C-alpha atoms as a PDB file:
ATOM      1  CA  MET A   1      -2.281 -21.097  46.772  1.00  0.00           C
ATOM      2  CA  THR A   2      -4.830 -17.876  46.406  1.00  0.00           C
ATOM      3  CA  LYS A   3      -4.425 -15.366  43.528  1.00  0.00           C
ATOM      4  CA  ILE A   4      -2.892 -12.933  45.537  1.00  0.00           C
ATOM      5  CA  ASP A   5       0.045 -15.557  46.336  1.00  0.00           C
ATOM      6  CA  ALA A   6       0.346 -16.536  42.694  1.00  0.00           C
ATOM      7  CA  LEU A   7       0.425 -12.796  41.601  1.00  0.00           C
ATOM      8  CA  ARG A   8       3.375 -12.166  43.900  1.00  0.00           C
ATOM      9  CA  ARG A   9       5.217 -15.157  42.542  1.00  0.00           C
ATOM     10  CA  PHE A  10       4.764 -13.593  38.819  1.00  0.00           C
ATOM     11  CA  LEU A  11       5.174 -10.009  40.162  1.00  0.00           C
ATOM     12  CA  LEU A  12       8.434 -10.382  42.539  1.00  0.00           C
ATOM     13  CA  PRO A  13      10.706 -11.513  40.193  1.00  0.00           C
ATOM     14  CA  CYS A  14       9.822  -8.608  37.919  1.00  0.00           C
ATOM     15  CA  LEU A  15      10.750  -5.723  40.445  1.00  0.00           C
ATOM     16  CA  HIS A  16      13.696  -7.809  42.008  1.00  0.00           C
ATOM     17  CA  PRO A  17      15.104  -9.629  39.087  1.00  0.00           C
ATOM     18  CA  THR A  18      17.762 -12.439  39.885  1.00  0.00           C
ATOM     19  CA  PRO A  19      19.988 -14.160  37.579  1.00  0.00           C
ATOM     20  CA  PRO A  20      18.716 -16.147  35.378  1.00  0.00           C
ATOM     21  CA  SER A  21      19.120 -19.836  36.089  1.00  0.00           C
ATOM     22  CA  PRO A  22      19.708 -22.868  33.310  1.00  0.00           C
ATOM     23  CA  PRO A  23      16.433 -23.823  31.581  1.00  0.00           C
ATOM     24  CA  PRO A  24      15.094 -27.030  32.941  1.00  0.00           C
ATOM     25  CA  THR A  25      15.020 -30.084  31.316  1.00  0.00           C
ATOM     26  CA  THR A  26      11.628 -31.087  32.050  1.00  0.00           C
ATOM     27  CA  ALA A  27       8.806 -29.280  29.716  1.00  0.00           C
ATOM     28  CA  LYS A  28       7.458 -25.974  29.787  1.00  0.00           C
ATOM     29  CA  LYS A  29       4.677 -25.652  32.564  1.00  0.00           C
ATOM     30  CA  ARG A  30       1.150 -23.864  31.004  1.00  0.00           C
ATOM     31  CA  LEU A  31      -0.035 -21.195  32.804  1.00  0.00           C
ATOM     32  CA  SER A  32      -2.903 -21.532  35.729  1.00  0.00           C
ATOM     33  CA  THR A  33      -6.283 -21.530  34.130  1.00  0.00           C
ATOM     34  CA  SER A  34      -7.244 -19.704  37.228  1.00  0.00           C
ATOM     35  CA  LEU A  35      -4.748 -16.602  36.268  1.00  0.00           C
ATOM     36  CA  LEU A  36      -5.552 -16.503  32.428  1.00  0.00           C
ATOM     37  CA  PRO A  37      -8.701 -14.309  33.277  1.00  0.00           C
ATOM     38  CA  ASP A  38      -6.872 -11.403  35.239  1.00  0.00           C
ATOM     39  CA  ILE A  39      -3.662 -11.469  33.024  1.00  0.00           C
ATOM     40  CA  ILE A  40      -6.172 -11.159  29.935  1.00  0.00           C
ATOM     41  CA  ASP A  41      -7.498  -8.210  31.579  1.00  0.00           C
ATOM     42  CA  GLN A  42      -4.396  -6.393  32.214  1.00  0.00           C
ATOM     43  CA  ASP A  43      -3.369  -7.139  28.875  1.00  0.00           C
ATOM     44  CA  ASN A  44      -6.304  -5.695  27.448  1.00  0.00           C
ATOM     45  CA  ASN A  45      -6.013  -2.733  29.623  1.00  0.00           C
ATOM     46  CA  ASN A  46      -2.485  -1.941  28.585  1.00  0.00           C
ATOM     47  CA  THR A  47      -3.240  -2.614  24.768  1.00  0.00           C
ATOM     48  CA  ASN A  48      -5.957   0.044  25.081  1.00  0.00           C
ATOM     49  CA  HIS A  49      -3.781   2.407  26.653  1.00  0.00           C
ATOM     50  CA  GLN A  50      -1.446   2.021  24.106  1.00  0.00           C
ATOM     51  CA  GLU A  51      -4.006   2.300  21.255  1.00  0.00           C
ATOM     52  CA  SER A  52      -5.254   5.575  23.087  1.00  0.00           C
ATOM     53  CA  SER A  53      -1.998   6.842  23.294  1.00  0.00           C
ATOM     54  CA  SER A  54      -1.030   6.460  19.715  1.00  0.00           C
ATOM     55  CA  SER A  55      -4.225   8.170  18.440  1.00  0.00           C
ATOM     56  CA  SER A  56      -3.801  10.939  20.779  1.00  0.00           C
ATOM     57  CA  SER A  57      -0.134  11.469  19.618  1.00  0.00           C
ATOM     58  CA  THR A  58      -1.208  10.836  15.769  1.00  0.00           C
ATOM     59  CA  ALA A  59      -3.705  13.486  16.044  1.00  0.00           C
ATOM     60  CA  THR A  60      -1.206  15.924  17.792  1.00  0.00           C
ATOM     61  CA  SER A  61       1.370  15.554  15.200  1.00  0.00           C
ATOM     62  CA  PRO A  62       0.387  14.269  11.672  1.00  0.00           C
ATOM     63  CA  THR A  63       3.442  13.083   9.792  1.00  0.00           C
ATOM     64  CA  ALA A  64       3.499  11.741   6.572  1.00  0.00           C
ATOM     65  CA  ALA A  65       5.987   8.954   6.280  1.00  0.00           C
ATOM     66  CA  PRO A  66       8.565   8.984   3.468  1.00  0.00           C
ATOM     67  CA  PRO A  67       7.822   8.066  -0.252  1.00  0.00           C
ATOM     68  CA  ARG A  68       9.710   4.504  -0.666  1.00  0.00           C
ATOM     69  CA  SER A  69      11.571   4.064  -3.499  1.00  0.00           C
ATOM     70  CA  SER A  70      10.379   1.779  -6.077  1.00  0.00           C
ATOM     71  CA  ARG A  71      12.384  -1.313  -7.757  1.00  0.00           C
ATOM     72  CA  THR A  72      11.826  -3.054 -10.802  1.00  0.00           C
ATOM     73  CA  MET A  73      14.186  -5.522 -13.120  1.00  0.00           C
ATOM     74  CA  VAL A  74      14.436  -4.148 -16.898  1.00  0.00           C
ATOM     75  CA  ILE A  75      16.740  -5.142 -19.773  1.00  0.00           C
ATOM     76  CA  GLY A  76      19.538  -2.831 -20.763  1.00  0.00           C
ATOM     77  CA  THR A  77      21.287  -2.805 -23.687  1.00  0.00           C
ATOM     78  CA  ILE A  78      24.661  -0.549 -24.692  1.00  0.00           C
ATOM     79  CA  PHE A  79      25.428  -0.821 -28.402  1.00  0.00           C
ATOM     80  CA  GLY A  80      27.130   1.268 -31.226  1.00  0.00           C
ATOM     81  CA  HIS A  81      29.230   1.248 -33.952  1.00  0.00           C
ATOM     82  CA  ARG A  82      33.185   0.205 -33.187  1.00  0.00           C
ATOM     83  CA  ARG A  83      35.022   3.223 -34.566  1.00  0.00           C
ATOM     84  CA  ILE A  84      32.350   5.862 -35.606  1.00  0.00           C
ATOM     85  CA  GLY A  85      28.956   7.155 -34.336  1.00  0.00           C
ATOM     86  CA  HIS A  86      27.450   7.418 -30.834  1.00  0.00           C
ATOM     87  CA  THR A  87      26.649   5.212 -28.385  1.00  0.00           C
ATOM     88  CA  TRP A  88      22.945   3.991 -27.640  1.00  0.00           C
ATOM     89  CA  PHE A  89      21.379   3.065 -24.301  1.00  0.00           C
ATOM     90  CA  CYS A  90      18.219   1.430 -24.510  1.00  0.00           C
ATOM     91  CA  ILE A  91      15.927  -0.030 -21.682  1.00  0.00           C
ATOM     92  CA  GLN A  92      13.208  -2.833 -22.395  1.00  0.00           C
ATOM     93  CA  HIS A  93      10.598  -4.364 -19.709  1.00  0.00           C
ATOM     94  CA  ASN A  94      10.504  -7.116 -22.412  1.00  0.00           C
ATOM     95  CA  ARG A  95      13.182  -8.613 -24.728  1.00  0.00           C
ATOM     96  CA  LEU A  96      10.818  -9.917 -27.223  1.00  0.00           C
ATOM     97  CA  ASN A  97       9.055  -6.381 -27.514  1.00  0.00           C
ATOM     98  CA  THR A  98      11.403  -4.317 -29.989  1.00  0.00           C
ATOM     99  CA  LYS A  99       9.345  -1.043 -28.801  1.00  0.00           C
ATOM    100  CA  PRO A 100      12.055   0.280 -25.704  1.00  0.00           C
ATOM    101  CA  SER A 101      10.590   1.879 -23.063  1.00  0.00           C
ATOM    102  CA  LEU A 102      13.518   4.219 -23.037  1.00  0.00           C
ATOM    103  CA  LEU A 103      16.106   4.828 -26.013  1.00  0.00           C
ATOM    104  CA  LEU A 104      18.709   7.356 -25.706  1.00  0.00           C
ATOM    105  CA  GLU A 105      21.600   8.562 -28.129  1.00  0.00           C
ATOM    106  CA  LEU A 106      24.646   9.489 -26.198  1.00  0.00           C
ATOM    107  CA  SER A 107      27.466  11.797 -27.581  1.00  0.00           C
ATOM    108  CA  ILE A 108      30.220   9.371 -26.591  1.00  0.00           C
ATOM    109  CA  PRO A 109      31.939   7.066 -28.982  1.00  0.00           C
ATOM    110  CA  THR A 110      31.717   3.393 -28.582  1.00  0.00           C
ATOM    111  CA  SER A 111      35.329   3.227 -27.943  1.00  0.00           C
ATOM    112  CA  THR A 112      35.496   6.185 -25.841  1.00  0.00           C
ATOM    113  CA  LEU A 113      32.908   4.017 -23.488  1.00  0.00           C
ATOM    114  CA  ILE A 114      34.587   0.896 -23.959  1.00  0.00           C
ATOM    115  CA  GLN A 115      37.940   2.412 -22.237  1.00  0.00           C
ATOM    116  CA  GLU A 116      36.030   3.807 -19.620  1.00  0.00           C
ATOM    117  CA  MET A 117      34.186   0.203 -18.671  1.00  0.00           C
ATOM    118  CA  GLN A 118      38.158  -1.154 -18.621  1.00  0.00           C
ATOM    119  CA  SER A 119      38.378   0.267 -14.935  1.00  0.00           C
ATOM    120  CA  GLY A 120      35.768  -1.740 -13.851  1.00  0.00           C
ATOM    121  CA  LEU A 121      33.362   1.228 -12.613  1.00  0.00           C
ATOM    122  CA  LEU A 122      30.855   3.255 -15.285  1.00  0.00           C
ATOM    123  CA  ARG A 123      28.834   5.803 -14.152  1.00  0.00           C
ATOM    124  CA  ILE A 124      26.793   7.863 -16.273  1.00  0.00           C
ATOM    125  CA  ALA A 125      25.005  10.621 -14.930  1.00  0.00           C
ATOM    126  CA  LEU A 126      21.993  12.490 -17.382  1.00  0.00           C
ATOM    127  CA  GLU A 127      21.171  15.871 -15.647  1.00  0.00           C
ATOM    128  CA  PHE A 128      18.135  18.338 -16.694  1.00  0.00           C
ATOM    129  CA  ASN A 129      17.844  21.537 -15.096  1.00  0.00           C
ATOM    130  CA  ALA A 130      14.043  22.517 -15.810  1.00  0.00           C
ATOM    131  CA  ALA A 131      14.910  26.252 -14.573  1.00  0.00           C
ATOM    132  CA  GLY A 132      17.139  26.815 -17.254  1.00  0.00           C
ATOM    133  CA  SER A 133      14.844  25.591 -20.443  1.00  0.00           C
ATOM    134  CA  ASP A 134      12.690  27.493 -22.127  1.00  0.00           C
ATOM    135  CA  HIS A 135      10.073  25.021 -21.412  1.00  0.00           C
ATOM    136  CA  GLY A 136      10.956  24.629 -18.005  1.00  0.00           C
ATOM    137  CA  SER A 137       7.277  24.623 -16.858  1.00  0.00           C
ATOM    138  CA  ASP A 138       6.236  21.874 -18.809  1.00  0.00           C
ATOM    139  CA  LEU A 139       9.386  19.908 -18.564  1.00  0.00           C
ATOM    140  CA  GLY A 140       9.433  20.236 -14.768  1.00  0.00           C
ATOM    141  CA  ARG A 141       6.270  18.234 -14.713  1.00  0.00           C
ATOM    142  CA  CYS A 142       6.667  15.650 -17.678  1.00  0.00           C
ATOM    143  CA  PRO A 143       7.855  12.204 -16.999  1.00  0.00           C
ATOM    144  CA  LEU A 144      11.472  11.978 -16.964  1.00  0.00           C
ATOM    145  CA  HIS A 145      11.297   9.772 -20.146  1.00  0.00           C
ATOM    146  CA  SER A 146       9.949  12.431 -21.893  1.00  0.00           C
ATOM    147  CA  ILE A 147      12.380  14.816 -21.505  1.00  0.00           C
ATOM    148  CA  PRO A 148      14.248  15.283 -24.709  1.00  0.00           C
ATOM    149  CA  MET A 149      17.682  16.397 -23.936  1.00  0.00           C
ATOM    150  CA  TRP A 150      20.285  15.703 -21.157  1.00  0.00           C
ATOM    151  CA  THR A 151      23.957  17.102 -20.221  1.00  0.00           C
ATOM    152  CA  LEU A 152      25.678  13.977 -19.811  1.00  0.00           C
ATOM    153  CA  PHE A 153      28.531  13.486 -17.326  1.00  0.00           C
ATOM    154  CA  CYS A 154      30.662  10.315 -17.574  1.00  0.00           C
ATOM    155  CA  ASN A 155      32.476   9.516 -14.486  1.00  0.00           C
ATOM    156  CA  GLY A 156      32.274  12.645 -12.909  1.00  0.00           C
ATOM    157  CA  ARG A 157      33.264  14.352 -16.128  1.00  0.00           C
ATOM    158  CA  LYS A 158      30.941  16.358 -18.787  1.00  0.00           C
ATOM    159  CA  LEU A 159      31.328  14.617 -21.671  1.00  0.00           C
ATOM    160  CA  GLY A 160      28.486  16.074 -23.941  1.00  0.00           C
ATOM    161  CA  PHE A 161      24.837  15.469 -24.216  1.00  0.00           C
ATOM    162  CA  ALA A 162      21.985  12.567 -24.333  1.00  0.00           C
ATOM    163  CA  VAL A 163      19.094  12.759 -26.815  1.00  0.00           C
ATOM    164  CA  ARG A 164      15.703  10.915 -26.337  1.00  0.00           C
ATOM    165  CA  ARG A 165      14.795   9.290 -29.837  1.00  0.00           C
ATOM    166  CA  LYS A 166      12.172   7.368 -31.051  1.00  0.00           C
ATOM    167  CA  ALA A 167      13.098   3.878 -31.964  1.00  0.00           C
ATOM    168  CA  THR A 168      13.690   3.528 -35.698  1.00  0.00           C
ATOM    169  CA  GLU A 169      13.673   0.286 -38.048  1.00  0.00           C
ATOM    170  CA  GLN A 170      17.295   0.007 -38.028  1.00  0.00           C
ATOM    171  CA  ASN A 171      17.138   0.105 -33.980  1.00  0.00           C
ATOM    172  CA  ARG A 172      14.070  -2.625 -33.923  1.00  0.00           C
ATOM    173  CA  ASN A 173      16.132  -4.680 -35.990  1.00  0.00           C
ATOM    174  CA  MET A 174      19.389  -4.565 -33.593  1.00  0.00           C
ATOM    175  CA  LEU A 175      17.055  -5.690 -30.704  1.00  0.00           C
ATOM    176  CA  ARG A 176      15.215  -8.286 -32.958  1.00  0.00           C
ATOM    177  CA  THR A 177      18.702  -9.606 -33.415  1.00  0.00           C
ATOM    178  CA  MET A 178      19.294  -9.921 -29.922  1.00  0.00           C
ATOM    179  CA  GLN A 179      15.857 -11.053 -28.651  1.00  0.00           C
ATOM    180  CA  ASN A 180      17.297 -14.435 -27.472  1.00  0.00           C
ATOM    181  CA  ILE A 181      19.894 -13.114 -25.410  1.00  0.00           C
ATOM    182  CA  THR A 182      19.489 -11.704 -22.297  1.00  0.00           C
ATOM    183  CA  VAL A 183      23.123 -11.635 -20.751  1.00  0.00           C
ATOM    184  CA  GLY A 184      25.821 -10.961 -22.924  1.00  0.00           C
ATOM    185  CA  ALA A 185      28.612  -9.153 -24.890  1.00  0.00           C
ATOM    186  CA  GLY A 186      29.719  -9.153 -28.395  1.00  0.00           C
ATOM    187  CA  VAL A 187      29.720  -7.948 -32.084  1.00  0.00           C
ATOM    188  CA  VAL A 188      26.953  -8.055 -34.797  1.00  0.00           C
ATOM    189  CA  PRO A 189      28.445  -8.207 -38.011  1.00  0.00           C
ATOM    190  CA  GLY A 190      28.167  -5.218 -40.688  1.00  0.00           C
ATOM    191  CA  GLY A 191      25.063  -4.598 -42.470  1.00  0.00           C
ATOM    192  CA  PHE A 192      23.384  -7.169 -40.294  1.00  0.00           C
ATOM    193  CA  GLY A 193      20.142  -4.841 -40.457  1.00  0.00           C
ATOM    194  CA  PHE A 194      22.104  -1.510 -40.342  1.00  0.00           C
ATOM    195  CA  GLY A 195      22.764  -1.322 -44.250  1.00  0.00           C
ATOM    196  CA  SER A 196      25.050  -3.218 -46.580  1.00  0.00           C
ATOM    197  CA  GLY A 197      28.000  -0.482 -45.915  1.00  0.00           C
ATOM    198  CA  SER A 198      27.963  -0.306 -42.203  1.00  0.00           C
ATOM    199  CA  GLU A 199      30.277  -1.807 -39.759  1.00  0.00           C
ATOM    200  CA  GLU A 200      30.025  -4.058 -37.154  1.00  0.00           C
ATOM    201  CA  MET A 201      27.972  -3.203 -34.041  1.00  0.00           C
ATOM    202  CA  MET A 202      29.330  -3.925 -30.569  1.00  0.00           C
ATOM    203  CA  TYR A 203      26.783  -4.424 -27.599  1.00  0.00           C
ATOM    204  CA  VAL A 204      26.756  -5.263 -23.976  1.00  0.00           C
ATOM    205  CA  ARG A 205      23.317  -6.558 -22.757  1.00  0.00           C
ATOM    206  CA  ALA A 206      22.250  -7.409 -19.052  1.00  0.00           C
ATOM    207  CA  ASN A 207      19.699  -7.343 -16.667  1.00  0.00           C
ATOM    208  CA  TYR A 208      19.249  -3.870 -14.913  1.00  0.00           C
ATOM    209  CA  GLU A 209      17.719  -2.680 -11.303  1.00  0.00           C
ATOM    210  CA  CYS A 210      15.349   0.121 -12.157  1.00  0.00           C
ATOM    211  CA  VAL A 211      15.161   2.259  -8.984  1.00  0.00           C
ATOM    212  CA  VAL A 212      12.582   5.220  -8.779  1.00  0.00           C
ATOM    213  CA  GLY A 213      13.530   7.392  -5.878  1.00  0.00           C
ATOM    214  CA  SER A 214      11.171  10.350  -6.978  1.00  0.00           C
ATOM    215  CA  ALA A 215       9.073  11.729 -10.144  1.00  0.00           C
ATOM    216  CA  ASP A 216      12.997  13.838 -10.416  1.00  0.00           C
ATOM    217  CA  SER A 217      15.144  11.102  -9.974  1.00  0.00           C
ATOM    218  CA  GLU A 218      15.576   7.396 -11.678  1.00  0.00           C
ATOM    219  CA  SER A 219      18.598   5.156 -12.106  1.00  0.00           C
ATOM    220  CA  PHE A 220      19.409   1.819 -13.676  1.00  0.00           C
ATOM    221  CA  HIS A 221      22.315  -0.505 -12.075  1.00  0.00           C
ATOM    222  CA  LEU A 222      23.699  -3.424 -13.968  1.00  0.00           C
ATOM    223  CA  VAL A 223      23.266  -6.814 -11.925  1.00  0.00           C
ATOM    224  CA  ASN A 224      26.374  -8.969 -12.809  1.00  0.00           C
ATOM    225  CA  PRO A 225      25.770 -12.610 -13.507  1.00  0.00           C
ATOM    226  CA  ASP A 226      27.012 -14.722 -10.471  1.00  0.00           C
ATOM    227  CA  ASP A 227      30.221 -16.220 -12.709  1.00  0.00           C
ATOM    228  CA  GLY A 228      30.908 -13.014 -14.491  1.00  0.00           C
ATOM    229  CA  PRO A 229      33.680 -10.594 -13.758  1.00  0.00           C
ATOM    230  CA  GLY A 230      32.577  -7.575 -11.482  1.00  0.00           C
ATOM    231  CA  GLN A 231      31.369  -4.448 -13.243  1.00  0.00           C
ATOM    232  CA  GLU A 232      29.566  -1.489 -11.588  1.00  0.00           C
ATOM    233  CA  LEU A 233      27.740   0.216 -14.118  1.00  0.00           C
ATOM    234  CA  SER A 234      24.851   2.622 -13.432  1.00  0.00           C
ATOM    235  CA  VAL A 235      23.052   5.300 -15.369  1.00  0.00           C
ATOM    236  CA  PHE A 236      21.547   8.040 -13.590  1.00  0.00           C
ATOM    237  CA  LEU A 237      18.780  10.465 -14.933  1.00  0.00           C
ATOM    238  CA  LEU A 238      18.394  13.375 -12.401  1.00  0.00           C
ATOM    239  CA  ARG A 239      16.181  16.716 -12.605  1.00  0.00           C
ATOM    240  CA  SER A 240      16.235  19.707 -10.777  1.00  0.00           C
ATOM    241  CA  ARG A 241      13.434  22.748 -11.023  1.00  0.00           C
END
């Protein structure tokens, strides 16, 4: 069989396709070695044509790909006194490090937050408008974790504000108490690291997925344990300019 006859056998089915036949039970046949040089040359020509087409289209219309969001796992803790005081939200990259990467004091009583969590859905949105701030030019370019105050929304309702805090010795004592806890909820007895007259402290500690969408948006999403009840809890940091 000549090369022309062999090429006809390969090209005619492509031009006039026929219904597929059941696969043979015998082993697959390898391509004839006499056809390999012609097929390789044809593939190289097609590849070179595709590369030249893609390079020319890239040169005529240079479009940058949209930035991808980054995702990391962190440890998040929500804690506060049972009846008095505000709620705290803490983010740690390492549970043994008592210096959190983000510590916010929320103007929500712990009892109110627990009531919101009973529905199984809790979404806390912290918004900051740089244009309406006295220091908008500086706070519009700084990292999100450096913004001192946020407007707080809980499940769509405006409930006050959130303030960025530096960890005090009491906060560090609280984190030392929970160093061996990665996931869990409970109560710390009164006076344990918070003064002799303080009441008991409630906490919810879990793994969170941190999603950085852009320089103006970041969110934390609670990761439920496999054997635990489903609880949707998310905290969003949003800055507008």
